[in-house]
Amino acid sequence: MKKLTAIILSSGLAVAGAQAMAADVDAGKKLYEQSCASCHGMKAAGQGMFPQLTGKSAEHLATAMTHYKNGDQAALQEMDGDLGGPNYAIMAPNAAGLSEEDIDNVSAYISSL
């Protein structure tokens, strides 16, 4: 009986955790339009010196934004040599004010395009 109770509790916690981690694409869209579109374009297709974001997974995007937020230029360069490049000075301050939830939401929105 103890094993069954533990399994049920574990399953419930896993489901609750997954629901809590679910990103809000609509909130991500709003944040993207306010903070990202002026550089990356309304459809995240990139423009000028700002790269295309579409076609990347939400996980990849969230990891990159977290590295920008944390000022970890070396980790960005390990991910992709261009990430720690000339746009770092523009992107890092923009990411600095994002919460983990913001990063998850905007990453989910971009990956949905």
PDB file of N, CA and C in Angstrom:
ATOM      1  N   MET A   1       0.822  -1.191   0.000  1.00  0.00           N
ATOM      2  CA  MET A   1       0.000   0.000   0.000  1.00  0.00           C
ATOM      3  C   MET A   1       0.873   1.265   0.000  1.00  0.00           C
ATOM      4  N   LYS A   2       2.001   1.195   0.741  1.00  0.00           N
ATOM      5  CA  LYS A   2       2.889   2.353   0.787  1.00  0.00           C
ATOM      6  C   LYS A   2       3.468   2.661  -0.588  1.00  0.00           C
ATOM      7  N   LYS A   3       3.805   1.604  -1.355  1.00  0.00           N
ATOM      8  CA  LYS A   3       4.352   1.811  -2.696  1.00  0.00           C
ATOM      9  C   LYS A   3       3.314   2.476  -3.594  1.00  0.00           C
ATOM     10  N   LEU A   4       2.082   2.013  -3.514  1.00  0.00           N
ATOM     11  CA  LEU A   4       1.003   2.570  -4.334  1.00  0.00           C
ATOM     12  C   LEU A   4       0.794   4.042  -4.000  1.00  0.00           C
ATOM     13  N   THR A   5       0.787   4.369  -2.723  1.00  0.00           N
ATOM     14  CA  THR A   5       0.625   5.762  -2.301  1.00  0.00           C
ATOM     15  C   THR A   5       1.782   6.613  -2.819  1.00  0.00           C
ATOM     16  N   ALA A   6       2.991   6.105  -2.719  1.00  0.00           N
ATOM     17  CA  ALA A   6       4.159   6.845  -3.209  1.00  0.00           C
ATOM     18  C   ALA A   6       4.077   7.065  -4.710  1.00  0.00           C
ATOM     19  N   ILE A   7       3.643   6.052  -5.442  1.00  0.00           N
ATOM     20  CA  ILE A   7       3.513   6.180  -6.897  1.00  0.00           C
ATOM     21  C   ILE A   7       2.460   7.219  -7.247  1.00  0.00           C
ATOM     22  N   ILE A   8       1.333   7.171  -6.567  1.00  0.00           N
ATOM     23  CA  ILE A   8       0.255   8.128  -6.835  1.00  0.00           C
ATOM     24  C   ILE A   8       0.718   9.552  -6.531  1.00  0.00           C
ATOM     25  N   LEU A   9       1.372   9.734  -5.387  1.00  0.00           N
ATOM     26  CA  LEU A   9       1.869  11.068  -5.033  1.00  0.00           C
ATOM     27  C   LEU A   9       2.919  11.552  -6.019  1.00  0.00           C
ATOM     28  N   SER A  10       3.820  10.669  -6.408  1.00  0.00           N
ATOM     29  CA  SER A  10       4.855  11.044  -7.374  1.00  0.00           C
ATOM     30  C   SER A  10       4.251  11.439  -8.707  1.00  0.00           C
ATOM     31  N   SER A  11       3.263  10.676  -9.148  1.00  0.00           N
ATOM     32  CA  SER A  11       2.604  10.984 -10.421  1.00  0.00           C
ATOM     33  C   SER A  11       1.905  12.327 -10.357  1.00  0.00           C
ATOM     34  N   GLY A  12       1.232  12.580  -9.256  1.00  0.00           N
ATOM     35  CA  GLY A  12       0.538  13.863  -9.093  1.00  0.00           C
ATOM     36  C   GLY A  12       1.492  15.026  -9.081  1.00  0.00           C
ATOM     37  N   LEU A  13       2.621  14.866  -8.407  1.00  0.00           N
ATOM     38  CA  LEU A  13       3.621  15.938  -8.381  1.00  0.00           C
ATOM     39  C   LEU A  13       4.230  16.167  -9.748  1.00  0.00           C
ATOM     40  N   ALA A  14       4.452  15.094 -10.502  1.00  0.00           N
ATOM     41  CA  ALA A  14       5.015  15.236 -11.846  1.00  0.00           C
ATOM     42  C   ALA A  14       4.060  15.993 -12.752  1.00  0.00           C
ATOM     43  N   VAL A  15       2.785  15.666 -12.676  1.00  0.00           N
ATOM     44  CA  VAL A  15       1.784  16.363 -13.500  1.00  0.00           C
ATOM     45  C   VAL A  15       1.693  17.825 -13.086  1.00  0.00           C
ATOM     46  N   ALA A  16       1.664  18.090 -11.796  1.00  0.00           N
ATOM     47  CA  ALA A  16       1.599  19.475 -11.316  1.00  0.00           C
ATOM     48  C   ALA A  16       2.835  20.258 -11.746  1.00  0.00           C
ATOM     49  N   GLY A  17       3.992  19.613 -11.683  1.00  0.00           N
ATOM     50  CA  GLY A  17       5.222  20.276 -12.106  1.00  0.00           C
ATOM     51  C   GLY A  17       5.214  20.597 -13.578  1.00  0.00           C
ATOM     52  N   ALA A  18       4.733  19.672 -14.397  1.00  0.00           N
ATOM     53  CA  ALA A  18       4.663  19.896 -15.843  1.00  0.00           C
ATOM     54  C   ALA A  18       3.697  21.024 -16.162  1.00  0.00           C
ATOM     55  N   GLN A  19       2.583  21.080 -15.451  1.00  0.00           N
ATOM     56  CA  GLN A  19       1.615  22.150 -15.688  1.00  0.00           C
ATOM     57  C   GLN A  19       2.191  23.496 -15.286  1.00  0.00           C
ATOM     58  N   ALA A  20       2.930  23.526 -14.184  1.00  0.00           N
ATOM     59  CA  ALA A  20       3.528  24.784 -13.729  1.00  0.00           C
ATOM     60  C   ALA A  20       4.578  25.267 -14.711  1.00  0.00           C
ATOM     61  N   MET A  21       5.235  24.321 -15.403  1.00  0.00           N
ATOM     62  CA  MET A  21       6.294  24.679 -16.333  1.00  0.00           C
ATOM     63  C   MET A  21       5.759  25.006 -17.717  1.00  0.00           C
ATOM     64  N   ALA A  22       4.470  24.766 -17.953  1.00  0.00           N
ATOM     65  CA  ALA A  22       3.902  25.027 -19.268  1.00  0.00           C
ATOM     66  C   ALA A  22       3.998  26.519 -19.573  1.00  0.00           C
ATOM     67  N   ALA A  23       4.496  26.818 -20.729  1.00  0.00           N
ATOM     68  CA  ALA A  23       4.695  28.214 -21.112  1.00  0.00           C
ATOM     69  C   ALA A  23       3.396  28.811 -21.645  1.00  0.00           C
ATOM     70  N   ASP A  24       3.259  30.097 -21.488  1.00  0.00           N
ATOM     71  CA  ASP A  24       2.101  30.852 -21.960  1.00  0.00           C
ATOM     72  C   ASP A  24       2.489  31.531 -23.279  1.00  0.00           C
ATOM     73  N   VAL A  25       2.086  30.913 -24.384  1.00  0.00           N
ATOM     74  CA  VAL A  25       2.452  31.416 -25.716  1.00  0.00           C
ATOM     75  C   VAL A  25       1.881  32.811 -25.949  1.00  0.00           C
ATOM     76  N   ASP A  26       0.666  33.063 -25.483  1.00  0.00           N
ATOM     77  CA  ASP A  26       0.070  34.389 -25.677  1.00  0.00           C
ATOM     78  C   ASP A  26       0.863  35.469 -24.942  1.00  0.00           C
ATOM     79  N   ALA A  27       1.279  35.169 -23.722  1.00  0.00           N
ATOM     80  CA  ALA A  27       2.112  36.126 -22.980  1.00  0.00           C
ATOM     81  C   ALA A  27       3.455  36.294 -23.685  1.00  0.00           C
ATOM     82  N   GLY A  28       3.977  35.203 -24.234  1.00  0.00           N
ATOM     83  CA  GLY A  28       5.230  35.265 -24.977  1.00  0.00           C
ATOM     84  C   GLY A  28       5.113  36.131 -26.214  1.00  0.00           C
ATOM     85  N   LYS A  29       3.972  36.031 -26.888  1.00  0.00           N
ATOM     86  CA  LYS A  29       3.742  36.854 -28.088  1.00  0.00           C
ATOM     87  C   LYS A  29       3.739  38.337 -27.721  1.00  0.00           C
ATOM     88  N   LYS A  30       3.060  38.671 -26.657  1.00  0.00           N
ATOM     89  CA  LYS A  30       2.980  40.067 -26.224  1.00  0.00           C
ATOM     90  C   LYS A  30       4.374  40.599 -25.869  1.00  0.00           C
ATOM     91  N   LEU A  31       5.119  39.814 -25.119  1.00  0.00           N
ATOM     92  CA  LEU A  31       6.475  40.226 -24.745  1.00  0.00           C
ATOM     93  C   LEU A  31       7.368  40.340 -25.972  1.00  0.00           C
ATOM     94  N   TYR A  32       7.257  39.372 -26.894  1.00  0.00           N
ATOM     95  CA  TYR A  32       8.052  39.409 -28.122  1.00  0.00           C
ATOM     96  C   TYR A  32       7.761  40.690 -28.906  1.00  0.00           C
ATOM     97  N   GLU A  33       6.483  41.003 -29.073  1.00  0.00           N
ATOM     98  CA  GLU A  33       6.105  42.191 -29.841  1.00  0.00           C
ATOM     99  C   GLU A  33       6.615  43.467 -29.178  1.00  0.00           C
ATOM    100  N   GLN A  34       6.643  43.492 -27.851  1.00  0.00           N
ATOM    101  CA  GLN A  34       7.101  44.678 -27.119  1.00  0.00           C
ATOM    102  C   GLN A  34       8.619  44.809 -27.099  1.00  0.00           C
ATOM    103  N   SER A  35       9.305  43.692 -26.992  1.00  0.00           N
ATOM    104  CA  SER A  35      10.730  43.754 -26.696  1.00  0.00           C
ATOM    105  C   SER A  35      11.669  43.197 -27.764  1.00  0.00           C
ATOM    106  N   CYS A  36      11.165  42.364 -28.655  1.00  0.00           N
ATOM    107  CA  CYS A  36      12.057  41.642 -29.569  1.00  0.00           C
ATOM    108  C   CYS A  36      11.840  41.975 -31.044  1.00  0.00           C
ATOM    109  N   ALA A  37      10.603  42.265 -31.397  1.00  0.00           N
ATOM    110  CA  ALA A  37      10.244  42.425 -32.805  1.00  0.00           C
ATOM    111  C   ALA A  37      10.960  43.580 -33.488  1.00  0.00           C
ATOM    112  N   SER A  38      11.285  44.618 -32.749  1.00  0.00           N
ATOM    113  CA  SER A  38      11.940  45.767 -33.389  1.00  0.00           C
ATOM    114  C   SER A  38      13.299  45.385 -33.969  1.00  0.00           C
ATOM    115  N   CYS A  39      13.935  44.387 -33.412  1.00  0.00           N
ATOM    116  CA  CYS A  39      15.227  43.934 -33.945  1.00  0.00           C
ATOM    117  C   CYS A  39      15.085  42.686 -34.827  1.00  0.00           C
ATOM    118  N   HIS A  40      14.342  41.702 -34.347  1.00  0.00           N
ATOM    119  CA  HIS A  40      14.275  40.406 -35.037  1.00  0.00           C
ATOM    120  C   HIS A  40      13.131  40.306 -36.048  1.00  0.00           C
ATOM    121  N   GLY A  41      12.285  41.333 -36.100  1.00  0.00           N
ATOM    122  CA  GLY A  41      11.156  41.325 -37.027  1.00  0.00           C
ATOM    123  C   GLY A  41       9.914  40.711 -36.405  1.00  0.00           C
ATOM    124  N   MET A  42       8.752  41.096 -36.915  1.00  0.00           N
ATOM    125  CA  MET A  42       7.475  40.636 -36.354  1.00  0.00           C
ATOM    126  C   MET A  42       7.312  39.117 -36.412  1.00  0.00           C
ATOM    127  N   LYS A  43       7.916  38.484 -37.389  1.00  0.00           N
ATOM    128  CA  LYS A  43       7.796  37.027 -37.538  1.00  0.00           C
ATOM    129  C   LYS A  43       9.082  36.304 -37.133  1.00  0.00           C
ATOM    130  N   ALA A  44       9.989  36.994 -36.450  1.00  0.00           N
ATOM    131  CA  ALA A  44      11.262  36.441 -35.968  1.00  0.00           C
ATOM    132  C   ALA A  44      12.127  35.892 -37.095  1.00  0.00           C
ATOM    133  N   ALA A  45      11.942  36.459 -38.293  1.00  0.00           N
ATOM    134  CA  ALA A  45      12.704  36.002 -39.462  1.00  0.00           C
ATOM    135  C   ALA A  45      14.063  36.686 -39.559  1.00  0.00           C
ATOM    136  N   GLY A  46      14.341  37.606 -38.642  1.00  0.00           N
ATOM    137  CA  GLY A  46      15.596  38.329 -38.675  1.00  0.00           C
ATOM    138  C   GLY A  46      15.526  39.499 -39.636  1.00  0.00           C
ATOM    139  N   GLN A  47      16.374  40.462 -39.399  1.00  0.00           N
ATOM    140  CA  GLN A  47      16.464  41.620 -40.296  1.00  0.00           C
ATOM    141  C   GLN A  47      17.780  42.324 -40.033  1.00  0.00           C
ATOM    142  N   GLY A  48      18.403  42.739 -41.095  1.00  0.00           N
ATOM    143  CA  GLY A  48      19.692  43.412 -40.967  1.00  0.00           C
ATOM    144  C   GLY A  48      20.691  42.555 -40.217  1.00  0.00           C
ATOM    145  N   MET A  49      21.294  43.129 -39.202  1.00  0.00           N
ATOM    146  CA  MET A  49      22.305  42.413 -38.429  1.00  0.00           C
ATOM    147  C   MET A  49      21.723  41.500 -37.350  1.00  0.00           C
ATOM    148  N   PHE A  50      20.396  41.480 -37.232  1.00  0.00           N
ATOM    149  CA  PHE A  50      19.747  40.689 -36.197  1.00  0.00           C
ATOM    150  C   PHE A  50      19.298  39.343 -36.766  1.00  0.00           C
ATOM    151  N   PRO A  51      19.670  38.245 -36.108  1.00  0.00           N
ATOM    152  CA  PRO A  51      19.457  36.911 -36.685  1.00  0.00           C
ATOM    153  C   PRO A  51      18.015  36.420 -36.672  1.00  0.00           C
ATOM    154  N   GLN A  52      17.779  35.481 -37.540  1.00  0.00           N
ATOM    155  CA  GLN A  52      16.516  34.758 -37.589  1.00  0.00           C
ATOM    156  C   GLN A  52      16.411  33.889 -36.345  1.00  0.00           C
ATOM    157  N   LEU A  53      15.233  33.874 -35.730  1.00  0.00           N
ATOM    158  CA  LEU A  53      15.011  33.052 -34.547  1.00  0.00           C
ATOM    159  C   LEU A  53      14.116  31.855 -34.841  1.00  0.00           C
ATOM    160  N   THR A  54      13.336  31.948 -35.907  1.00  0.00           N
ATOM    161  CA  THR A  54      12.450  30.838 -36.235  1.00  0.00           C
ATOM    162  C   THR A  54      13.271  29.609 -36.604  1.00  0.00           C
ATOM    163  N   GLY A  55      12.680  28.449 -36.373  1.00  0.00           N
ATOM    164  CA  GLY A  55      13.342  27.195 -36.691  1.00  0.00           C
ATOM    165  C   GLY A  55      14.194  26.658 -35.555  1.00  0.00           C
ATOM    166  N   LYS A  56      14.255  27.398 -34.467  1.00  0.00           N
ATOM    167  CA  LYS A  56      15.014  26.942 -33.297  1.00  0.00           C
ATOM    168  C   LYS A  56      14.026  26.438 -32.240  1.00  0.00           C
ATOM    169  N   SER A  57      14.440  25.454 -31.479  1.00  0.00           N
ATOM    170  CA  SER A  57      13.561  24.901 -30.446  1.00  0.00           C
ATOM    171  C   SER A  57      13.404  25.896 -29.300  1.00  0.00           C
ATOM    172  N   ALA A  58      12.323  25.752 -28.569  1.00  0.00           N
ATOM    173  CA  ALA A  58      12.096  26.593 -27.390  1.00  0.00           C
ATOM    174  C   ALA A  58      13.232  26.403 -26.384  1.00  0.00           C
ATOM    175  N   GLU A  59      13.714  25.175 -26.260  1.00  0.00           N
ATOM    176  CA  GLU A  59      14.805  24.896 -25.325  1.00  0.00           C
ATOM    177  C   GLU A  59      16.084  25.655 -25.727  1.00  0.00           C
ATOM    178  N   HIS A  60      16.406  25.625 -27.019  1.00  0.00           N
ATOM    179  CA  HIS A  60      17.593  26.330 -27.514  1.00  0.00           C
ATOM    180  C   HIS A  60      17.465  27.830 -27.254  1.00  0.00           C
ATOM    181  N   LEU A  61      16.313  28.382 -27.579  1.00  0.00           N
ATOM    182  CA  LEU A  61      16.084  29.809 -27.394  1.00  0.00           C
ATOM    183  C   LEU A  61      16.156  30.195 -25.919  1.00  0.00           C
ATOM    184  N   ALA A  62      15.529  29.399 -25.058  1.00  0.00           N
ATOM    185  CA  ALA A  62      15.537  29.686 -23.617  1.00  0.00           C
ATOM    186  C   ALA A  62      16.955  29.606 -23.055  1.00  0.00           C
ATOM    187  N   THR A  63      17.712  28.623 -23.502  1.00  0.00           N
ATOM    188  CA  THR A  63      19.092  28.493 -23.032  1.00  0.00           C
ATOM    189  C   THR A  63      19.911  29.712 -23.442  1.00  0.00           C
ATOM    190  N   ALA A  64      19.769  30.123 -24.699  1.00  0.00           N
ATOM    191  CA  ALA A  64      20.510  31.298 -25.172  1.00  0.00           C
ATOM    192  C   ALA A  64      20.109  32.548 -24.394  1.00  0.00           C
ATOM    193  N   MET A  65      18.805  32.762 -24.214  1.00  0.00           N
ATOM    194  CA  MET A  65      18.366  33.953 -23.481  1.00  0.00           C
ATOM    195  C   MET A  65      18.838  33.929 -22.031  1.00  0.00           C
ATOM    196  N   THR A  66      18.878  32.756 -21.439  1.00  0.00           N
ATOM    197  CA  THR A  66      19.371  32.637 -20.060  1.00  0.00           C
ATOM    198  C   THR A  66      20.852  32.987 -19.995  1.00  0.00           C
ATOM    199  N   HIS A  67      21.617  32.537 -20.973  1.00  0.00           N
ATOM    200  CA  HIS A  67      23.041  32.903 -21.014  1.00  0.00           C
ATOM    201  C   HIS A  67      23.208  34.412 -21.205  1.00  0.00           C
ATOM    202  N   TYR A  68      22.401  35.009 -22.072  1.00  0.00           N
ATOM    203  CA  TYR A  68      22.453  36.468 -22.226  1.00  0.00           C
ATOM    204  C   TYR A  68      22.107  37.149 -20.903  1.00  0.00           C
ATOM    205  N   LYS A  69      21.032  36.691 -20.269  1.00  0.00           N
ATOM    206  CA  LYS A  69      20.592  37.262 -18.988  1.00  0.00           C
ATOM    207  C   LYS A  69      21.692  37.189 -17.943  1.00  0.00           C
ATOM    208  N   ASN A  70      22.392  36.070 -17.898  1.00  0.00           N
ATOM    209  CA  ASN A  70      23.443  35.865 -16.907  1.00  0.00           C
ATOM    210  C   ASN A  70      24.794  36.441 -17.320  1.00  0.00           C
ATOM    211  N   GLY A  71      24.865  37.009 -18.517  1.00  0.00           N
ATOM    212  CA  GLY A  71      26.120  37.592 -18.986  1.00  0.00           C
ATOM    213  C   GLY A  71      27.187  36.561 -19.310  1.00  0.00           C
ATOM    214  N   ASP A  72      26.753  35.368 -19.689  1.00  0.00           N
ATOM    215  CA  ASP A  72      27.690  34.271 -19.940  1.00  0.00           C
ATOM    216  C   ASP A  72      28.026  34.185 -21.426  1.00  0.00           C
ATOM    217  N   GLN A  73      28.895  35.086 -21.869  1.00  0.00           N
ATOM    218  CA  GLN A  73      29.274  35.172 -23.275  1.00  0.00           C
ATOM    219  C   GLN A  73      29.998  33.912 -23.736  1.00  0.00           C
ATOM    220  N   ALA A  74      30.790  33.307 -22.880  1.00  0.00           N
ATOM    221  CA  ALA A  74      31.523  32.091 -23.240  1.00  0.00           C
ATOM    222  C   ALA A  74      30.558  30.940 -23.538  1.00  0.00           C
ATOM    223  N   ALA A  75      29.524  30.798 -22.732  1.00  0.00           N
ATOM    224  CA  ALA A  75      28.538  29.740 -22.966  1.00  0.00           C
ATOM    225  C   ALA A  75      27.792  29.967 -24.274  1.00  0.00           C
ATOM    226  N   LEU A  76      27.523  31.222 -24.587  1.00  0.00           N
ATOM    227  CA  LEU A  76      26.856  31.539 -25.856  1.00  0.00           C
ATOM    228  C   LEU A  76      27.736  31.150 -27.032  1.00  0.00           C
ATOM    229  N   GLN A  77      29.011  31.448 -26.943  1.00  0.00           N
ATOM    230  CA  GLN A  77      29.929  31.107 -28.028  1.00  0.00           C
ATOM    231  C   GLN A  77      30.074  29.600 -28.182  1.00  0.00           C
ATOM    232  N   GLU A  78      29.963  28.863 -27.074  1.00  0.00           N
ATOM    233  CA  GLU A  78      29.990  27.401 -27.162  1.00  0.00           C
ATOM    234  C   GLU A  78      28.749  26.880 -27.877  1.00  0.00           C
ATOM    235  N   MET A  79      27.601  27.521 -27.633  1.00  0.00           N
ATOM    236  CA  MET A  79      26.357  27.114 -28.291  1.00  0.00           C
ATOM    237  C   MET A  79      26.448  27.360 -29.791  1.00  0.00           C
ATOM    238  N   ASP A  80      26.927  28.550 -30.130  1.00  0.00           N
ATOM    239  CA  ASP A  80      26.996  29.001 -31.522  1.00  0.00           C
ATOM    240  C   ASP A  80      27.911  30.221 -31.522  1.00  0.00           C
ATOM    241  N   GLY A  81      28.988  30.155 -32.228  1.00  0.00           N
ATOM    242  CA  GLY A  81      29.971  31.230 -32.238  1.00  0.00           C
ATOM    243  C   GLY A  81      29.407  32.610 -32.513  1.00  0.00           C
ATOM    244  N   ASP A  82      28.303  32.693 -33.252  1.00  0.00           N
ATOM    245  CA  ASP A  82      27.704  33.992 -33.565  1.00  0.00           C
ATOM    246  C   ASP A  82      26.959  34.603 -32.374  1.00  0.00           C
ATOM    247  N   LEU A  83      26.518  33.758 -31.428  1.00  0.00           N
ATOM    248  CA  LEU A  83      25.717  34.268 -30.314  1.00  0.00           C
ATOM    249  C   LEU A  83      26.494  35.181 -29.383  1.00  0.00           C
ATOM    250  N   GLY A  84      27.741  34.912 -29.188  1.00  0.00           N
ATOM    251  CA  GLY A  84      28.539  35.752 -28.308  1.00  0.00           C
ATOM    252  C   GLY A  84      29.235  36.877 -29.045  1.00  0.00           C
ATOM    253  N   GLY A  85      28.845  37.099 -30.279  1.00  0.00           N
ATOM    254  CA  GLY A  85      29.513  38.064 -31.149  1.00  0.00           C
ATOM    255  C   GLY A  85      29.059  39.492 -30.968  1.00  0.00           C
ATOM    256  N   PRO A  86      29.006  40.228 -32.063  1.00  0.00           N
ATOM    257  CA  PRO A  86      28.783  41.675 -32.002  1.00  0.00           C
ATOM    258  C   PRO A  86      27.429  42.088 -31.415  1.00  0.00           C
ATOM    259  N   ASN A  87      26.422  41.254 -31.503  1.00  0.00           N
ATOM    260  CA  ASN A  87      25.115  41.625 -30.960  1.00  0.00           C
ATOM    261  C   ASN A  87      25.003  41.383 -29.456  1.00  0.00           C
ATOM    262  N   TYR A  88      26.047  40.818 -28.871  1.00  0.00           N
ATOM    263  CA  TYR A  88      26.015  40.524 -27.431  1.00  0.00           C
ATOM    264  C   TYR A  88      25.736  41.788 -26.614  1.00  0.00           C
ATOM    265  N   ALA A  89      26.378  42.879 -26.970  1.00  0.00           N
ATOM    266  CA  ALA A  89      26.230  44.130 -26.213  1.00  0.00           C
ATOM    267  C   ALA A  89      24.815  44.686 -26.294  1.00  0.00           C
ATOM    268  N   ILE A  90      24.072  44.303 -27.321  1.00  0.00           N
ATOM    269  CA  ILE A  90      22.681  44.743 -27.461  1.00  0.00           C
ATOM    270  C   ILE A  90      21.745  43.770 -26.739  1.00  0.00           C
ATOM    271  N   MET A  91      21.978  42.488 -26.921  1.00  0.00           N
ATOM    272  CA  MET A  91      21.065  41.476 -26.405  1.00  0.00           C
ATOM    273  C   MET A  91      21.170  41.284 -24.897  1.00  0.00           C
ATOM    274  N   ALA A  92      22.371  41.307 -24.343  1.00  0.00           N
ATOM    275  CA  ALA A  92      22.554  41.038 -22.909  1.00  0.00           C
ATOM    276  C   ALA A  92      21.730  41.985 -22.025  1.00  0.00           C
ATOM    277  N   PRO A  93      21.757  43.296 -22.252  1.00  0.00           N
ATOM    278  CA  PRO A  93      20.946  44.178 -21.404  1.00  0.00           C
ATOM    279  C   PRO A  93      19.439  43.957 -21.596  1.00  0.00           C
ATOM    280  N   ASN A  94      19.034  43.573 -22.805  1.00  0.00           N
ATOM    281  CA  ASN A  94      17.615  43.309 -23.037  1.00  0.00           C
ATOM    282  C   ASN A  94      17.156  42.060 -22.301  1.00  0.00           C
ATOM    283  N   ALA A  95      17.999  41.067 -22.217  1.00  0.00           N
ATOM    284  CA  ALA A  95      17.647  39.820 -21.531  1.00  0.00           C
ATOM    285  C   ALA A  95      17.771  39.949 -20.013  1.00  0.00           C
ATOM    286  N   ALA A  96      18.558  40.898 -19.547  1.00  0.00           N
ATOM    287  CA  ALA A  96      18.836  41.017 -18.112  1.00  0.00           C
ATOM    288  C   ALA A  96      17.575  41.172 -17.269  1.00  0.00           C
ATOM    289  N   GLY A  97      16.572  41.838 -17.791  1.00  0.00           N
ATOM    290  CA  GLY A  97      15.351  42.078 -17.029  1.00  0.00           C
ATOM    291  C   GLY A  97      14.289  41.004 -17.159  1.00  0.00           C
ATOM    292  N   LEU A  98      14.578  39.943 -17.902  1.00  0.00           N
ATOM    293  CA  LEU A  98      13.583  38.891 -18.106  1.00  0.00           C
ATOM    294  C   LEU A  98      13.579  37.902 -16.947  1.00  0.00           C
ATOM    295  N   SER A  99      12.395  37.505 -16.537  1.00  0.00           N
ATOM    296  CA  SER A  99      12.274  36.445 -15.538  1.00  0.00           C
ATOM    297  C   SER A  99      12.373  35.096 -16.253  1.00  0.00           C
ATOM    298  N   GLU A 100      12.516  34.025 -15.496  1.00  0.00           N
ATOM    299  CA  GLU A 100      12.524  32.683 -16.104  1.00  0.00           C
ATOM    300  C   GLU A 100      11.214  32.436 -16.838  1.00  0.00           C
ATOM    301  N   GLU A 101      10.125  32.896 -16.251  1.00  0.00           N
ATOM    302  CA  GLU A 101       8.809  32.731 -16.870  1.00  0.00           C
ATOM    303  C   GLU A 101       8.738  33.497 -18.197  1.00  0.00           C
ATOM    304  N   ASP A 102       9.254  34.722 -18.210  1.00  0.00           N
ATOM    305  CA  ASP A 102       9.291  35.505 -19.449  1.00  0.00           C
ATOM    306  C   ASP A 102      10.072  34.749 -20.523  1.00  0.00           C
ATOM    307  N   ILE A 103      11.229  34.219 -20.145  1.00  0.00           N
ATOM    308  CA  ILE A 103      12.080  33.499 -21.095  1.00  0.00           C
ATOM    309  C   ILE A 103      11.346  32.276 -21.640  1.00  0.00           C
ATOM    310  N   ASP A 104      10.696  31.519 -20.767  1.00  0.00           N
ATOM    311  CA  ASP A 104       9.936  30.344 -21.219  1.00  0.00           C
ATOM    312  C   ASP A 104       8.802  30.747 -22.146  1.00  0.00           C
ATOM    313  N   ASN A 105       8.097  31.810 -21.793  1.00  0.00           N
ATOM    314  CA  ASN A 105       6.952  32.247 -22.605  1.00  0.00           C
ATOM    315  C   ASN A 105       7.383  32.738 -23.978  1.00  0.00           C
ATOM    316  N   VAL A 106       8.384  33.594 -24.033  1.00  0.00           N
ATOM    317  CA  VAL A 106       8.814  34.132 -25.335  1.00  0.00           C
ATOM    318  C   VAL A 106       9.464  33.047 -26.174  1.00  0.00           C
ATOM    319  N   SER A 107      10.179  32.134 -25.557  1.00  0.00           N
ATOM    320  CA  SER A 107      10.783  31.004 -26.297  1.00  0.00           C
ATOM    321  C   SER A 107       9.701  30.121 -26.895  1.00  0.00           C
ATOM    322  N   ALA A 108       8.656  29.863 -26.126  1.00  0.00           N
ATOM    323  CA  ALA A 108       7.545  29.048 -26.636  1.00  0.00           C
ATOM    324  C   ALA A 108       6.854  29.742 -27.800  1.00  0.00           C
ATOM    325  N   TYR A 109       6.678  31.051 -27.681  1.00  0.00           N
ATOM    326  CA  TYR A 109       6.037  31.796 -28.768  1.00  0.00           C
ATOM    327  C   TYR A 109       6.885  31.734 -30.041  1.00  0.00           C
ATOM    328  N   ILE A 110       8.165  32.031 -29.924  1.00  0.00           N
ATOM    329  CA  ILE A 110       9.033  32.040 -31.114  1.00  0.00           C
ATOM    330  C   ILE A 110       9.062  30.668 -31.758  1.00  0.00           C
ATOM    331  N   SER A 111       9.161  29.623 -30.959  1.00  0.00           N
ATOM    332  CA  SER A 111       9.226  28.267 -31.530  1.00  0.00           C
ATOM    333  C   SER A 111       7.910  27.847 -32.155  1.00  0.00           C
ATOM    334  N   SER A 112       6.836  28.574 -31.845  1.00  0.00           N
ATOM    335  CA  SER A 112       5.531  28.246 -32.435  1.00  0.00           C
ATOM    336  C   SER A 112       5.351  28.883 -33.820  1.00  0.00           C
ATOM    337  N   LEU A 113       6.254  29.787 -34.192  1.00  0.00           N
ATOM    338  CA  LEU A 113       6.120  30.485 -35.478  1.00  0.00           C
ATOM    339  C   LEU A 113       6.520  29.594 -36.650  1.00  0.00           C
TER     340      LEU A 113
END
